[in-house]
Amino acid sequence: MRLTGTSVDCYKYLEPLYNDYRKVKMQKRDGE
């Protein structure tokens, strides 16, 4: 949505996800 959507759609659909505090795993550039 961030890549293809308009500015209004990005704020409208992504800002409610600020209330999601779940942990996720992210892979860094060095593979860790």
PDB file of all heavy atoms in Angstrom:
ATOM      1  N   MET A   1       0.830  -1.202   0.000  1.00  0.00           N
ATOM      2  CA  MET A   1       0.000   0.000   0.000  1.00  0.00           C
ATOM      3  C   MET A   1       0.872   1.262   0.000  1.00  0.00           C
ATOM      4  O   MET A   1       0.538   2.262  -0.662  1.00  0.00           O
ATOM      5  CB  MET A   1      -0.909  -0.005   1.226  1.00  0.00           C
ATOM      6  CG  MET A   1      -1.801   1.222   1.365  1.00  0.00           C
ATOM      7  SD  MET A   1      -2.960   1.464  -0.006  1.00  0.00           S
ATOM      8  CE  MET A   1      -4.154   0.182   0.370  1.00  0.00           C
ATOM      9  N   ARG A   2       1.983   1.212   0.694  1.00  0.00           N
ATOM     10  CA  ARG A   2       2.877   2.382   0.732  1.00  0.00           C
ATOM     11  C   ARG A   2       3.530   2.618  -0.626  1.00  0.00           C
ATOM     12  O   ARG A   2       3.769   3.771  -1.015  1.00  0.00           O
ATOM     13  CB  ARG A   2       3.949   2.156   1.811  1.00  0.00           C
ATOM     14  CG  ARG A   2       4.992   3.242   1.904  1.00  0.00           C
ATOM     15  CD  ARG A   2       4.386   4.553   2.388  1.00  0.00           C
ATOM     16  NE  ARG A   2       5.388   5.609   2.470  1.00  0.00           N
ATOM     17  CZ  ARG A   2       5.755   6.389   1.451  1.00  0.00           C
ATOM     18  NH1 ARG A   2       5.200   6.223   0.252  1.00  0.00           N
ATOM     19  NH2 ARG A   2       6.681   7.322   1.618  1.00  0.00           N
ATOM     20  N   LEU A   3       3.807   1.558  -1.380  1.00  0.00           N
ATOM     21  CA  LEU A   3       4.451   1.699  -2.683  1.00  0.00           C
ATOM     22  C   LEU A   3       3.478   2.142  -3.767  1.00  0.00           C
ATOM     23  O   LEU A   3       3.850   2.892  -4.674  1.00  0.00           O
ATOM     24  CB  LEU A   3       5.109   0.373  -3.092  1.00  0.00           C
ATOM     25  CG  LEU A   3       6.352  -0.048  -2.288  1.00  0.00           C
ATOM     26  CD1 LEU A   3       6.765  -1.460  -2.648  1.00  0.00           C
ATOM     27  CD2 LEU A   3       7.499   0.908  -2.521  1.00  0.00           C
ATOM     28  N   THR A   4       2.244   1.676  -3.695  1.00  0.00           N
ATOM     29  CA  THR A   4       1.304   1.898  -4.798  1.00  0.00           C
ATOM     30  C   THR A   4       0.169   2.867  -4.464  1.00  0.00           C
ATOM     31  O   THR A   4      -0.443   3.411  -5.384  1.00  0.00           O
ATOM     32  CB  THR A   4       0.683   0.566  -5.228  1.00  0.00           C
ATOM     33  OG1 THR A   4      -0.021  -0.016  -4.108  1.00  0.00           O
ATOM     34  CG2 THR A   4       1.752  -0.408  -5.698  1.00  0.00           C
ATOM     35  N   GLY A   5      -0.129   3.076  -3.195  1.00  0.00           N
ATOM     36  CA  GLY A   5      -1.287   3.873  -2.821  1.00  0.00           C
ATOM     37  C   GLY A   5      -1.003   5.366  -2.834  1.00  0.00           C
ATOM     38  O   GLY A   5       0.150   5.821  -2.868  1.00  0.00           O
ATOM     39  N   THR A   6      -2.077   6.137  -2.793  1.00  0.00           N
ATOM     40  CA  THR A   6      -1.968   7.593  -2.704  1.00  0.00           C
ATOM     41  C   THR A   6      -1.636   8.004  -1.267  1.00  0.00           C
ATOM     42  O   THR A   6      -1.673   7.185  -0.339  1.00  0.00           O
ATOM     43  CB  THR A   6      -3.265   8.248  -3.156  1.00  0.00           C
ATOM     44  OG1 THR A   6      -4.329   7.815  -2.301  1.00  0.00           O
ATOM     45  CG2 THR A   6      -3.592   7.882  -4.612  1.00  0.00           C
ATOM     46  N   SER A   7      -1.354   9.309  -1.099  1.00  0.00           N
ATOM     47  CA  SER A   7      -1.001   9.807   0.236  1.00  0.00           C
ATOM     48  C   SER A   7      -2.175   9.668   1.197  1.00  0.00           C
ATOM     49  O   SER A   7      -1.996   9.301   2.373  1.00  0.00           O
ATOM     50  CB  SER A   7      -0.573  11.275   0.143  1.00  0.00           C
ATOM     51  OG  SER A   7       0.548  11.411  -0.685  1.00  0.00           O
ATOM     52  N   VAL A   8      -3.387   9.920   0.703  1.00  0.00           N
ATOM     53  CA  VAL A   8      -4.567   9.818   1.561  1.00  0.00           C
ATOM     54  C   VAL A   8      -4.785   8.370   1.993  1.00  0.00           C
ATOM     55  O   VAL A   8      -5.082   8.089   3.166  1.00  0.00           O
ATOM     56  CB  VAL A   8      -5.804  10.370   0.827  1.00  0.00           C
ATOM     57  CG1 VAL A   8      -7.054  10.212   1.700  1.00  0.00           C
ATOM     58  CG2 VAL A   8      -5.602  11.837   0.467  1.00  0.00           C
ATOM     59  N   ASP A   9      -4.626   7.417   1.043  1.00  0.00           N
ATOM     60  CA  ASP A   9      -4.819   6.006   1.391  1.00  0.00           C
ATOM     61  C   ASP A   9      -3.757   5.505   2.364  1.00  0.00           C
ATOM     62  O   ASP A   9      -4.052   4.700   3.264  1.00  0.00           O
ATOM     63  CB  ASP A   9      -4.788   5.155   0.113  1.00  0.00           C
ATOM     64  CG  ASP A   9      -5.997   5.392  -0.777  1.00  0.00           C
ATOM     65  OD1 ASP A   9      -7.045   5.841  -0.246  1.00  0.00           O
ATOM     66  OD2 ASP A   9      -5.905   5.142  -1.996  1.00  0.00           O
ATOM     67  N   CYS A  10      -2.530   5.996   2.193  1.00  0.00           N
ATOM     68  CA  CYS A  10      -1.450   5.560   3.107  1.00  0.00           C
ATOM     69  C   CYS A  10      -1.736   5.994   4.537  1.00  0.00           C
ATOM     70  O   CYS A  10      -1.605   5.190   5.478  1.00  0.00           O
ATOM     71  CB  CYS A  10      -0.119   6.120   2.627  1.00  0.00           C
ATOM     72  SG  CYS A  10       0.489   5.378   1.102  1.00  0.00           S
ATOM     73  N   TYR A  11      -2.131   7.260   4.724  1.00  0.00           N
ATOM     74  CA  TYR A  11      -2.448   7.731   6.072  1.00  0.00           C
ATOM     75  C   TYR A  11      -3.710   7.053   6.614  1.00  0.00           C
ATOM     76  O   TYR A  11      -3.809   6.767   7.814  1.00  0.00           O
ATOM     77  CB  TYR A  11      -2.635   9.245   6.063  1.00  0.00           C
ATOM     78  CG  TYR A  11      -1.341  10.015   5.940  1.00  0.00           C
ATOM     79  CD1 TYR A  11      -1.090  10.798   4.816  1.00  0.00           C
ATOM     80  CD2 TYR A  11      -0.372   9.959   6.941  1.00  0.00           C
ATOM     81  CE1 TYR A  11       0.093  11.513   4.707  1.00  0.00           C
ATOM     82  CE2 TYR A  11       0.808  10.674   6.827  1.00  0.00           C
ATOM     83  CZ  TYR A  11       1.041  11.449   5.703  1.00  0.00           C
ATOM     84  OH  TYR A  11       2.209  12.141   5.595  1.00  0.00           O
ATOM     85  N   LYS A  12      -4.647   6.784   5.736  1.00  0.00           N
ATOM     86  CA  LYS A  12      -5.932   6.244   6.177  1.00  0.00           C
ATOM     87  C   LYS A  12      -5.819   4.805   6.654  1.00  0.00           C
ATOM     88  O   LYS A  12      -6.439   4.414   7.660  1.00  0.00           O
ATOM     89  CB  LYS A  12      -6.931   6.348   5.026  1.00  0.00           C
ATOM     90  CG  LYS A  12      -8.329   5.878   5.365  1.00  0.00           C
ATOM     91  CD  LYS A  12      -9.256   6.025   4.160  1.00  0.00           C
ATOM     92  CE  LYS A  12     -10.652   5.531   4.465  1.00  0.00           C
ATOM     93  NZ  LYS A  12     -11.551   5.653   3.271  1.00  0.00           N
ATOM     94  N   TYR A  13      -5.010   3.993   5.959  1.00  0.00           N
ATOM     95  CA  TYR A  13      -4.953   2.557   6.267  1.00  0.00           C
ATOM     96  C   TYR A  13      -3.752   2.167   7.126  1.00  0.00           C
ATOM     97  O   TYR A  13      -3.786   1.104   7.778  1.00  0.00           O
ATOM     98  CB  TYR A  13      -4.933   1.736   4.966  1.00  0.00           C
ATOM     99  CG  TYR A  13      -6.199   1.830   4.164  1.00  0.00           C
ATOM    100  CD1 TYR A  13      -6.233   2.533   2.964  1.00  0.00           C
ATOM    101  CD2 TYR A  13      -7.373   1.216   4.603  1.00  0.00           C
ATOM    102  CE1 TYR A  13      -7.404   2.626   2.213  1.00  0.00           C
ATOM    103  CE2 TYR A  13      -8.543   1.301   3.865  1.00  0.00           C
ATOM    104  CZ  TYR A  13      -8.556   2.019   2.678  1.00  0.00           C
ATOM    105  OH  TYR A  13      -9.735   2.108   1.943  1.00  0.00           O
ATOM    106  N   LEU A  14      -2.716   2.987   7.110  1.00  0.00           N
ATOM    107  CA  LEU A  14      -1.503   2.610   7.864  1.00  0.00           C
ATOM    108  C   LEU A  14      -1.469   3.179   9.271  1.00  0.00           C
ATOM    109  O   LEU A  14      -0.884   2.569  10.170  1.00  0.00           O
ATOM    110  CB  LEU A  14      -0.246   3.047   7.102  1.00  0.00           C
ATOM    111  CG  LEU A  14      -0.008   2.415   5.734  1.00  0.00           C
ATOM    112  CD1 LEU A  14       1.337   2.845   5.181  1.00  0.00           C
ATOM    113  CD2 LEU A  14      -0.095   0.901   5.790  1.00  0.00           C
ATOM    114  N   GLU A  15      -2.057   4.356   9.480  1.00  0.00           N
ATOM    115  CA  GLU A  15      -2.006   4.953  10.820  1.00  0.00           C
ATOM    116  C   GLU A  15      -2.727   4.135  11.888  1.00  0.00           C
ATOM    117  O   GLU A  15      -2.253   4.102  13.037  1.00  0.00           O
ATOM    118  CB  GLU A  15      -2.569   6.376  10.777  1.00  0.00           C
ATOM    119  CG  GLU A  15      -1.581   7.380  10.223  1.00  0.00           C
ATOM    120  CD  GLU A  15      -2.121   8.798  10.250  1.00  0.00           C
ATOM    121  OE1 GLU A  15      -3.341   8.973  10.417  1.00  0.00           O
ATOM    122  OE2 GLU A  15      -1.327   9.747  10.109  1.00  0.00           O
ATOM    123  N   PRO A  16      -3.817   3.438  11.598  1.00  0.00           N
ATOM    124  CA  PRO A  16      -4.414   2.576  12.645  1.00  0.00           C
ATOM    125  C   PRO A  16      -3.489   1.470  13.133  1.00  0.00           C
ATOM    126  O   PRO A  16      -3.691   0.933  14.230  1.00  0.00           O
ATOM    127  CB  PRO A  16      -5.658   2.000  11.954  1.00  0.00           C
ATOM    128  CG  PRO A  16      -6.004   2.994  10.902  1.00  0.00           C
ATOM    129  CD  PRO A  16      -4.703   3.542  10.425  1.00  0.00           C
ATOM    130  N   LEU A  17      -2.450   1.129  12.346  1.00  0.00           N
ATOM    131  CA  LEU A  17      -1.520   0.067  12.764  1.00  0.00           C
ATOM    132  C   LEU A  17      -0.529   0.543  13.825  1.00  0.00           C
ATOM    133  O   LEU A  17       0.259  -0.262  14.324  1.00  0.00           O
ATOM    134  CB  LEU A  17      -0.746  -0.461  11.543  1.00  0.00           C
ATOM    135  CG  LEU A  17      -1.594  -1.019  10.391  1.00  0.00           C
ATOM    136  CD1 LEU A  17      -0.698  -1.579   9.303  1.00  0.00           C
ATOM    137  CD2 LEU A  17      -2.551  -2.096  10.890  1.00  0.00           C
ATOM    138  N   TYR A  18      -0.571   1.837  14.180  1.00  0.00           N
ATOM    139  CA  TYR A  18       0.264   2.323  15.287  1.00  0.00           C
ATOM    140  C   TYR A  18      -0.134   1.670  16.610  1.00  0.00           C
ATOM    141  O   TYR A  18       0.662   1.666  17.556  1.00  0.00           O
ATOM    142  CB  TYR A  18       0.140   3.834  15.419  1.00  0.00           C
ATOM    143  CG  TYR A  18       1.059   4.621  14.505  1.00  0.00           C
ATOM    144  CD1 TYR A  18       0.557   5.611  13.687  1.00  0.00           C
ATOM    145  CD2 TYR A  18       2.425   4.368  14.475  1.00  0.00           C
ATOM    146  CE1 TYR A  18       1.392   6.347  12.853  1.00  0.00           C
ATOM    147  CE2 TYR A  18       3.262   5.088  13.637  1.00  0.00           C
ATOM    148  CZ  TYR A  18       2.738   6.077  12.837  1.00  0.00           C
ATOM    149  OH  TYR A  18       3.586   6.798  12.013  1.00  0.00           O
ATOM    150  N   ASN A  19      -1.332   1.157  16.694  1.00  0.00           N
ATOM    151  CA  ASN A  19      -1.801   0.517  17.937  1.00  0.00           C
ATOM    152  C   ASN A  19      -1.410  -0.956  18.030  1.00  0.00           C
ATOM    153  O   ASN A  19      -1.788  -1.633  18.986  1.00  0.00           O
ATOM    154  CB  ASN A  19      -3.327   0.642  18.040  1.00  0.00           C
ATOM    155  CG  ASN A  19      -3.775   2.089  18.065  1.00  0.00           C
ATOM    156  OD1 ASN A  19      -3.083   2.951  18.601  1.00  0.00           O
ATOM    157  ND2 ASN A  19      -4.930   2.365  17.471  1.00  0.00           N
ATOM    158  N   ASP A  20      -0.673  -1.457  17.047  1.00  0.00           N
ATOM    159  CA  ASP A  20      -0.222  -2.855  17.046  1.00  0.00           C
ATOM    160  C   ASP A  20       1.202  -2.882  17.585  1.00  0.00           C
ATOM    161  O   ASP A  20       2.125  -2.360  16.961  1.00  0.00           O
ATOM    162  CB  ASP A  20      -0.289  -3.427  15.622  1.00  0.00           C
ATOM    163  CG  ASP A  20      -0.122  -4.943  15.614  1.00  0.00           C
ATOM    164  OD1 ASP A  20       0.244  -5.518  16.666  1.00  0.00           O
ATOM    165  OD2 ASP A  20      -0.341  -5.563  14.553  1.00  0.00           O
ATOM    166  N   TYR A  21       1.378  -3.485  18.760  1.00  0.00           N
ATOM    167  CA  TYR A  21       2.682  -3.491  19.426  1.00  0.00           C
ATOM    168  C   TYR A  21       3.334  -4.870  19.430  1.00  0.00           C
ATOM    169  O   TYR A  21       4.196  -5.148  20.261  1.00  0.00           O
ATOM    170  CB  TYR A  21       2.544  -2.999  20.864  1.00  0.00           C
ATOM    171  CG  TYR A  21       1.833  -1.674  20.982  1.00  0.00           C
ATOM    172  CD1 TYR A  21       0.588  -1.582  21.596  1.00  0.00           C
ATOM    173  CD2 TYR A  21       2.392  -0.514  20.467  1.00  0.00           C
ATOM    174  CE1 TYR A  21      -0.068  -0.367  21.699  1.00  0.00           C
ATOM    175  CE2 TYR A  21       1.751   0.706  20.561  1.00  0.00           C
ATOM    176  CZ  TYR A  21       0.510   0.783  21.180  1.00  0.00           C
ATOM    177  OH  TYR A  21      -0.146   1.977  21.274  1.00  0.00           O
ATOM    178  N   ARG A  22       2.951  -5.717  18.505  1.00  0.00           N
ATOM    179  CA  ARG A  22       3.515  -7.067  18.468  1.00  0.00           C
ATOM    180  C   ARG A  22       4.954  -7.056  17.951  1.00  0.00           C
ATOM    181  O   ARG A  22       5.328  -6.209  17.142  1.00  0.00           O
ATOM    182  CB  ARG A  22       2.651  -7.970  17.586  1.00  0.00           C
ATOM    183  CG  ARG A  22       1.317  -8.339  18.206  1.00  0.00           C
ATOM    184  CD  ARG A  22       0.505  -9.224  17.294  1.00  0.00           C
ATOM    185  NE  ARG A  22       0.072  -8.513  16.082  1.00  0.00           N
ATOM    186  CZ  ARG A  22      -0.669  -9.064  15.116  1.00  0.00           C
ATOM    187  NH1 ARG A  22      -1.042 -10.336  15.223  1.00  0.00           N
ATOM    188  NH2 ARG A  22      -1.028  -8.353  14.065  1.00  0.00           N
ATOM    189  N   LYS A  23       5.721  -7.999  18.415  1.00  0.00           N
ATOM    190  CA  LYS A  23       7.120  -8.111  17.995  1.00  0.00           C
ATOM    191  C   LYS A  23       7.218  -8.868  16.677  1.00  0.00           C
ATOM    192  O   LYS A  23       6.477  -9.822  16.427  1.00  0.00           O
ATOM    193  CB  LYS A  23       7.937  -8.849  19.058  1.00  0.00           C
ATOM    194  CG  LYS A  23       8.070  -8.105  20.363  1.00  0.00           C
ATOM    195  CD  LYS A  23       8.900  -8.904  21.349  1.00  0.00           C
ATOM    196  CE  LYS A  23       9.028  -8.173  22.680  1.00  0.00           C
ATOM    197  NZ  LYS A  23       9.823  -8.956  23.654  1.00  0.00           N
ATOM    198  N   VAL A  24       8.164  -8.430  15.844  1.00  0.00           N
ATOM    199  CA  VAL A  24       8.455  -9.104  14.578  1.00  0.00           C
ATOM    200  C   VAL A  24       9.963  -9.264  14.454  1.00  0.00           C
ATOM    201  O   VAL A  24      10.738  -8.516  15.060  1.00  0.00           O
ATOM    202  CB  VAL A  24       7.879  -8.315  13.369  1.00  0.00           C
ATOM    203  CG1 VAL A  24       6.372  -8.352  13.370  1.00  0.00           C
ATOM    204  CG2 VAL A  24       8.381  -6.893  13.348  1.00  0.00           C
ATOM    205  N   LYS A  25      10.347 -10.226  13.635  1.00  0.00           N
ATOM    206  CA  LYS A  25      11.764 -10.503  13.412  1.00  0.00           C
ATOM    207  C   LYS A  25      12.179  -9.866  12.088  1.00  0.00           C
ATOM    208  O   LYS A  25      11.511 -10.050  11.067  1.00  0.00           O
ATOM    209  CB  LYS A  25      11.979 -12.010  13.376  1.00  0.00           C
ATOM    210  CG  LYS A  25      13.441 -12.427  13.476  1.00  0.00           C
ATOM    211  CD  LYS A  25      13.611 -13.913  13.260  1.00  0.00           C
ATOM    212  CE  LYS A  25      12.985 -14.718  14.363  1.00  0.00           C
ATOM    213  NZ  LYS A  25      13.230 -16.164  14.177  1.00  0.00           N
ATOM    214  N   MET A  26      13.281  -9.133  12.127  1.00  0.00           N
ATOM    215  CA  MET A  26      13.779  -8.446  10.938  1.00  0.00           C
ATOM    216  C   MET A  26      15.214  -8.866  10.664  1.00  0.00           C
ATOM    217  O   MET A  26      16.042  -8.909  11.576  1.00  0.00           O
ATOM    218  CB  MET A  26      13.710  -6.927  11.127  1.00  0.00           C
ATOM    219  CG  MET A  26      14.087  -6.145   9.897  1.00  0.00           C
ATOM    220  SD  MET A  26      13.784  -4.372  10.076  1.00  0.00           S
ATOM    221  CE  MET A  26      14.221  -3.814   8.427  1.00  0.00           C
ATOM    222  N   GLN A  27      15.479  -9.160   9.382  1.00  0.00           N
ATOM    223  CA  GLN A  27      16.820  -9.566   8.966  1.00  0.00           C
ATOM    224  C   GLN A  27      17.611  -8.342   8.511  1.00  0.00           C
ATOM    225  O   GLN A  27      17.152  -7.571   7.667  1.00  0.00           O
ATOM    226  CB  GLN A  27      16.741 -10.589   7.835  1.00  0.00           C
ATOM    227  CG  GLN A  27      18.063 -11.238   7.503  1.00  0.00           C
ATOM    228  CD  GLN A  27      17.931 -12.276   6.402  1.00  0.00           C
ATOM    229  OE1 GLN A  27      17.073 -12.154   5.531  1.00  0.00           O
ATOM    230  NE2 GLN A  27      18.761 -13.309   6.447  1.00  0.00           N
ATOM    231  N   LYS A  28      18.797  -8.185   9.070  1.00  0.00           N
ATOM    232  CA  LYS A  28      19.638  -7.045   8.720  1.00  0.00           C
ATOM    233  C   LYS A  28      20.502  -7.355   7.500  1.00  0.00           C
ATOM    234  O   LYS A  28      20.470  -8.453   6.949  1.00  0.00           O
ATOM    235  CB  LYS A  28      20.514  -6.669   9.920  1.00  0.00           C
ATOM    236  CG  LYS A  28      19.707  -6.178  11.109  1.00  0.00           C
ATOM    237  CD  LYS A  28      20.593  -5.635  12.212  1.00  0.00           C
ATOM    238  CE  LYS A  28      21.377  -6.721  12.897  1.00  0.00           C
ATOM    239  NZ  LYS A  28      22.153  -6.198  14.058  1.00  0.00           N
ATOM    240  N   ARG A  29      21.296  -6.368   7.095  1.00  0.00           N
ATOM    241  CA  ARG A  29      22.102  -6.495   5.869  1.00  0.00           C
ATOM    242  C   ARG A  29      23.173  -7.561   6.013  1.00  0.00           C
ATOM    243  O   ARG A  29      23.530  -8.242   5.033  1.00  0.00           O
ATOM    244  CB  ARG A  29      22.728  -5.146   5.550  1.00  0.00           C
ATOM    245  CG  ARG A  29      23.347  -5.048   4.164  1.00  0.00           C
ATOM    246  CD  ARG A  29      22.297  -5.133   3.083  1.00  0.00           C
ATOM    247  NE  ARG A  29      22.858  -5.088   1.755  1.00  0.00           N
ATOM    248  CZ  ARG A  29      22.948  -3.985   0.994  1.00  0.00           C
ATOM    249  NH1 ARG A  29      22.487  -2.839   1.453  1.00  0.00           N
ATOM    250  NH2 ARG A  29      23.461  -4.035  -0.220  1.00  0.00           N
ATOM    251  N   ASP A  30      23.691  -7.738   7.226  1.00  0.00           N
ATOM    252  CA  ASP A  30      24.738  -8.747   7.441  1.00  0.00           C
ATOM    253  C   ASP A  30      24.189 -10.147   7.658  1.00  0.00           C
ATOM    254  O   ASP A  30      24.960 -11.080   7.914  1.00  0.00           O
ATOM    255  CB  ASP A  30      25.606  -8.347   8.630  1.00  0.00           C
ATOM    256  CG  ASP A  30      24.788  -8.122   9.883  1.00  0.00           C
ATOM    257  OD1 ASP A  30      23.547  -8.226   9.828  1.00  0.00           O
ATOM    258  OD2 ASP A  30      25.389  -7.833  10.945  1.00  0.00           O
ATOM    259  N   GLY A  31      22.881 -10.323   7.566  1.00  0.00           N
ATOM    260  CA  GLY A  31      22.268 -11.646   7.705  1.00  0.00           C
ATOM    261  C   GLY A  31      21.800 -11.960   9.105  1.00  0.00           C
ATOM    262  O   GLY A  31      21.112 -12.980   9.307  1.00  0.00           O
ATOM    263  N   GLU A  32      22.146 -11.134  10.097  1.00  0.00           N
ATOM    264  CA  GLU A  32      21.690 -11.372  11.461  1.00  0.00           C
ATOM    265  C   GLU A  32      20.276 -10.820  11.659  1.00  0.00           C
ATOM    266  O   GLU A  32      19.818  -9.971  10.889  1.00  0.00           O
ATOM    267  CB  GLU A  32      22.652 -10.714  12.449  1.00  0.00           C
ATOM    268  CG  GLU A  32      24.044 -11.309  12.419  1.00  0.00           C
ATOM    269  CD  GLU A  32      24.960 -10.665  13.432  1.00  0.00           C
ATOM    270  OE1 GLU A  32      24.497  -9.729  14.135  1.00  0.00           O
ATOM    271  OE2 GLU A  32      26.129 -11.089  13.525  1.00  0.00           O
TER     272      GLU A  32
END
